[in-house]
Protein backbone atom coordinates (compact mmCIF):
# COMPACT_ATOMS: atom_id res chain seq x y z
CA ASP A 1 20.39 6.09 -10.32
CA ILE A 2 22.43 5.65 -7.12
CA VAL A 3 25.01 3.37 -8.79
CA VAL A 4 25.72 5.90 -11.55
CA GLN A 5 25.96 8.71 -9.00
CA SER A 6 28.48 6.69 -6.96
CA GLN A 7 30.58 6.07 -10.06
CA ASN A 8 30.53 9.80 -10.86
CA LEU A 9 31.53 10.61 -7.30
CA GLU A 10 34.52 8.25 -7.52
CA HIS A 11 35.58 9.99 -10.73
CA TYR A 12 35.41 13.44 -9.14
CA GLU A 13 37.13 12.17 -6.02
CA LYS A 14 40.14 11.10 -8.10
CA LEU A 15 40.24 14.52 -9.75
CA PHE A 16 40.08 16.18 -6.34
CA GLN A 17 42.93 14.13 -4.97
CA GLN A 18 45.01 14.97 -8.03
CA VAL A 19 44.37 18.68 -7.54
CA LEU A 20 45.47 18.43 -3.90
CA VAL A 21 48.67 16.71 -4.99
CA ASP A 22 49.32 19.47 -7.51
CA LEU A 23 48.75 22.15 -4.84
CA GLU A 24 50.81 20.49 -2.16
CA ASN A 25 53.88 22.38 -0.92
CA ASP A 26 52.91 25.46 -2.91
CA ASP A 27 52.78 28.27 -0.34
CA VAL A 28 51.30 30.71 -2.83
CA LEU A 29 48.27 28.48 -3.43
CA GLU A 30 47.89 27.24 0.18
CA THR A 31 44.84 29.45 0.82
CA PHE A 32 43.24 28.23 -2.36
CA ARG A 33 43.99 24.61 -1.40
CA THR A 34 42.34 25.09 2.01
CA GLU A 35 39.20 26.63 0.48
CA TYR A 36 39.11 23.95 -2.19
CA GLU A 37 39.33 21.20 0.45
CA SER A 38 36.57 22.84 2.50
CA LEU A 39 34.34 23.04 -0.57
CA HIS A 40 35.01 19.40 -1.34
CA ASN A 41 34.08 18.34 2.20
CA SER A 42 30.80 20.24 1.88
CA PHE A 43 30.14 18.48 -1.41
CA LEU A 44 30.72 15.07 0.19
CA LYS A 45 28.29 15.82 3.03
CA CYS A 46 25.68 17.04 0.56
CA HIS A 47 26.12 13.95 -1.59
CA GLU A 48 25.81 11.64 1.41
CA GLY A 49 22.62 13.38 2.50
CA GLU A 50 21.22 13.09 -1.01
CA LYS A 51 21.97 9.35 -1.09
CA LYS A 52 20.14 8.85 2.21
CA LEU A 53 17.14 10.82 0.93
CA ILE A 54 17.03 8.83 -2.31
CA LYS A 55 17.21 5.56 -0.38
CA LYS A 56 14.35 6.65 1.88
CA CYS A 57 12.28 7.54 -1.18
CA MET A 58 13.04 4.17 -2.78
CA ASP A 59 12.15 2.32 0.45
CA LEU A 60 8.89 4.27 0.72
CA HIS A 61 8.03 3.49 -2.89
CA SER A 62 8.68 -0.19 -2.22
CA ASP A 63 6.52 -0.12 0.92
CA ILE A 64 3.65 1.58 -0.93
CA ASN A 65 3.79 -1.02 -3.70
CA GLY A 66 3.88 -3.87 -1.19
CA CYS A 67 0.90 -2.53 0.78
CA SER A 68 -1.04 -1.83 -2.43
CA LEU A 69 -0.50 -5.45 -3.49
CA LYS A 70 -1.84 -6.65 -0.12
CA VAL A 71 -4.93 -4.47 -0.52
CA ARG A 72 -5.56 -5.73 -4.03
CA ALA A 73 -5.05 -9.34 -2.94
CA ALA A 74 -7.64 -8.83 -0.19
CA GLU A 75 -10.06 -7.31 -2.70
CA ASP A 76 -9.58 -10.21 -5.10
CA GLY A 77 -10.06 -12.70 -2.28
CA TRP A 78 -13.31 -11.18 -1.07
CA ASN A 79 -14.66 -10.92 -4.61
CA THR A 80 -14.46 -14.71 -4.88
CA ARG A 81 -17.11 -14.89 -2.12
CA GLU A 82 -15.51 -18.11 -0.88
CA PRO A 83 -15.57 -17.84 2.95
CA ALA A 84 -13.36 -20.86 3.68
CA LYS A 85 -10.66 -19.65 1.30
CA ILE A 86 -10.81 -16.07 2.55
CA ALA A 87 -10.56 -17.11 6.21
CA LEU A 88 -7.10 -18.59 5.58
CA ALA A 89 -5.69 -15.07 5.13
CA TYR A 90 -6.35 -14.44 8.84
CA THR A 91 -4.70 -15.88 11.93
CA GLU A 92 -6.47 -18.72 13.68
CA ASP A 93 -7.34 -16.37 16.54
CA SER A 94 -7.95 -13.27 14.41
CA VAL A 95 -10.14 -10.65 16.10
CA TRP A 96 -12.74 -8.72 14.13
CA ARG A 97 -15.18 -5.93 14.63
CA ASN A 98 -17.34 -5.93 11.51
CA ARG A 99 -20.01 -3.23 11.78
CA THR A 100 -21.53 -4.09 15.19
CA GLN A 101 -20.46 -7.73 15.18
CA PHE A 102 -17.52 -8.93 17.27
CA ILE A 103 -15.99 -12.27 16.29
CA THR A 104 -12.83 -14.28 16.89
CA GLY A 105 -11.16 -17.02 14.84
CA ARG A 106 -11.45 -18.49 11.38
CA ALA A 107 -14.61 -20.51 12.05
CA GLU A 108 -16.52 -17.39 13.08
CA ILE A 109 -15.06 -15.45 10.14
CA GLU A 110 -16.25 -18.14 7.75
CA ASP A 111 -19.70 -18.17 9.35
CA LEU A 112 -20.03 -14.37 9.16
CA LEU A 113 -19.03 -14.27 5.49
CA THR A 114 -21.37 -17.14 4.62
CA ARG A 115 -24.30 -15.28 6.17
CA LYS A 116 -23.17 -12.01 4.57
CA TRP A 117 -23.23 -13.32 1.00
CA ALA A 118 -26.50 -15.15 1.51
CA LYS A 119 -28.04 -11.66 1.84
CA GLU A 120 -25.73 -9.49 -0.27
CA LEU A 121 -26.25 -10.67 -3.85
CA ASP A 122 -24.25 -9.80 -6.99
CA TYR A 123 -21.57 -8.46 -4.67
CA ARG A 124 -18.73 -6.43 -6.20
CA LEU A 125 -16.00 -4.85 -4.07
CA ILE A 126 -13.23 -2.29 -4.61
CA LYS A 127 -10.57 -1.54 -1.96
CA GLU A 128 -7.97 1.22 -1.90
CA LEU A 129 -4.89 1.80 0.25
CA TRP A 130 -5.31 4.77 2.58
CA ALA A 131 -2.32 4.66 4.96
CA PHE A 132 0.23 2.30 6.49
CA THR A 133 2.88 2.00 9.16
CA HIS A 134 4.94 -1.00 10.27
CA ASN A 135 2.48 -3.92 10.47
CA ARG A 136 -0.71 -1.88 10.13
CA ILE A 137 -2.64 -0.79 7.05
CA GLY A 138 -5.61 1.56 6.70
CA VAL A 139 -7.99 0.82 3.83
CA ARG A 140 -11.09 2.44 2.41
CA PHE A 141 -13.53 0.43 0.33
CA ALA A 142 -16.93 0.34 -1.29
CA TYR A 143 -19.07 -2.48 -2.59
CA GLU A 144 -22.39 -2.81 -4.39
CA TYR A 145 -25.03 -5.49 -3.94
CA HIS A 146 -28.76 -6.09 -3.96
CA ASP A 147 -31.03 -7.92 -1.55
CA HIS A 148 -33.61 -10.62 -2.31
CA ASN A 149 -36.15 -7.92 -3.21
CA ASN A 150 -33.75 -6.51 -5.82
CA ASN A 151 -33.09 -3.35 -3.81
CA TRP A 152 -29.61 -2.07 -4.65
CA PHE A 153 -27.11 -0.62 -2.19
CA ARG A 154 -23.60 0.78 -2.19
CA ALA A 155 -21.76 0.23 1.08
CA TYR A 156 -18.92 2.56 2.06
CA GLY A 157 -16.36 1.47 4.62
CA ASN A 158 -13.03 1.92 6.33
CA GLU A 159 -10.85 -0.87 7.68
CA ASN A 160 -7.90 -1.03 10.06
CA TRP A 161 -5.68 -4.08 9.57
CA GLU A 162 -2.92 -5.47 11.76
CA PHE A 163 -0.65 -8.33 10.64
CA ASP A 164 1.43 -10.88 12.50
CA GLU A 165 5.05 -11.74 11.70
CA HIS A 166 3.92 -14.26 9.06
CA GLY A 167 1.84 -11.75 7.10
CA LEU A 168 -1.52 -13.06 8.32
CA MET A 169 -4.09 -10.55 9.51
CA ARG A 170 -4.63 -10.84 13.25
CA CYS A 171 -6.97 -7.88 13.68
CA ARG A 172 -9.60 -6.31 11.42
CA ILE A 173 -11.76 -3.37 12.47
CA ALA A 174 -14.37 -2.34 9.89
CA SER A 175 -16.92 0.49 9.95
CA ILE A 176 -19.49 0.33 7.15
CA ASN A 177 -22.51 2.38 6.04
CA ASP A 178 -25.06 1.31 3.40
CA LEU A 179 -26.50 3.79 0.90
CA PRO A 180 -29.62 2.78 -1.10
CA ILE A 181 -29.09 3.39 -4.83
CA GLU A 182 -31.03 2.87 -8.04
CA GLU A 183 -29.83 0.04 -10.23
CA ALA A 184 -29.13 2.63 -12.95
CA ASP A 185 -26.68 4.38 -10.57
CA ARG A 186 -24.42 1.36 -10.16
CA LYS A 187 -20.72 1.94 -10.88
CA PHE A 188 -19.24 -1.53 -10.37
CA LEU A 189 -20.31 -3.18 -13.60
CA TRP A 190 -17.69 -5.77 -14.47
CA THR A 191 -18.71 -9.31 -15.37
CA ARG A 192 -18.07 -11.46 -12.31
CA GLY A 193 -16.93 -14.57 -14.18
CA GLN A 194 -15.57 -17.50 -12.17
CA THR A 195 -13.40 -15.51 -9.76
CA GLY A 196 -15.35 -12.26 -9.46
CA LYS A 197 -12.05 -10.36 -9.88
CA ARG A 198 -12.22 -6.72 -10.91
CA PRO A 199 -10.46 -6.32 -14.29
CA ASP A 200 -7.15 -4.49 -14.12
CA ASP A 201 -8.46 -1.77 -16.45
CA HIS A 202 -11.59 -1.15 -14.36
CA PRO A 203 -11.46 2.21 -12.50
CA GLY A 204 -10.72 2.25 -8.78
CA LEU A 205 -12.49 4.27 -6.12
CA THR A 206 -10.59 7.51 -6.73
CA ASP A 207 -11.14 7.31 -10.50
CA LEU A 208 -14.84 6.71 -9.93
CA GLY A 209 -15.10 9.76 -7.70
CA LEU A 210 -15.90 7.68 -4.63
């Protein structure tokens, strides 16, 4: 804990200053005082470097949590299969490449998703954070669905996201491949319910070996 460490440092700093006072004007112990002061200065530099490292680690942990929450929110949104609601998470002029389709704006996003879920039935999606920097996030995902002939598929994909200053996604680039599977090989088995949300205790992609 940084606060506790700072309090400990203040305590030792008082002890150090007291030792210097005790050694002052003592010619016999002058060499010792000089070495002691040098050692103390080294300690201060080391402590300052440690504080900076701890702060960087804490900031990184916070960033990872924040990006993970964005990824999960996107997963939950898409699992609703409500195109109009989902489109609101994107800027009005958001640019997409989805597979081989190039679209721009919320109206085209809504149209694409409407057509998507007219063909991809019993859709269940899992997303996972892959990487991030500044206003960009890399995501990997997989989803399962069947067509109107009850042929099952698992789609594997990667997404690149870019956000504007308001937290809305202004660019989405998605590459996706579909793998035919047997119904018995499905891994995404949660009950969709009203929201389609994956239960919190349901395994993610890494836990499922995907």
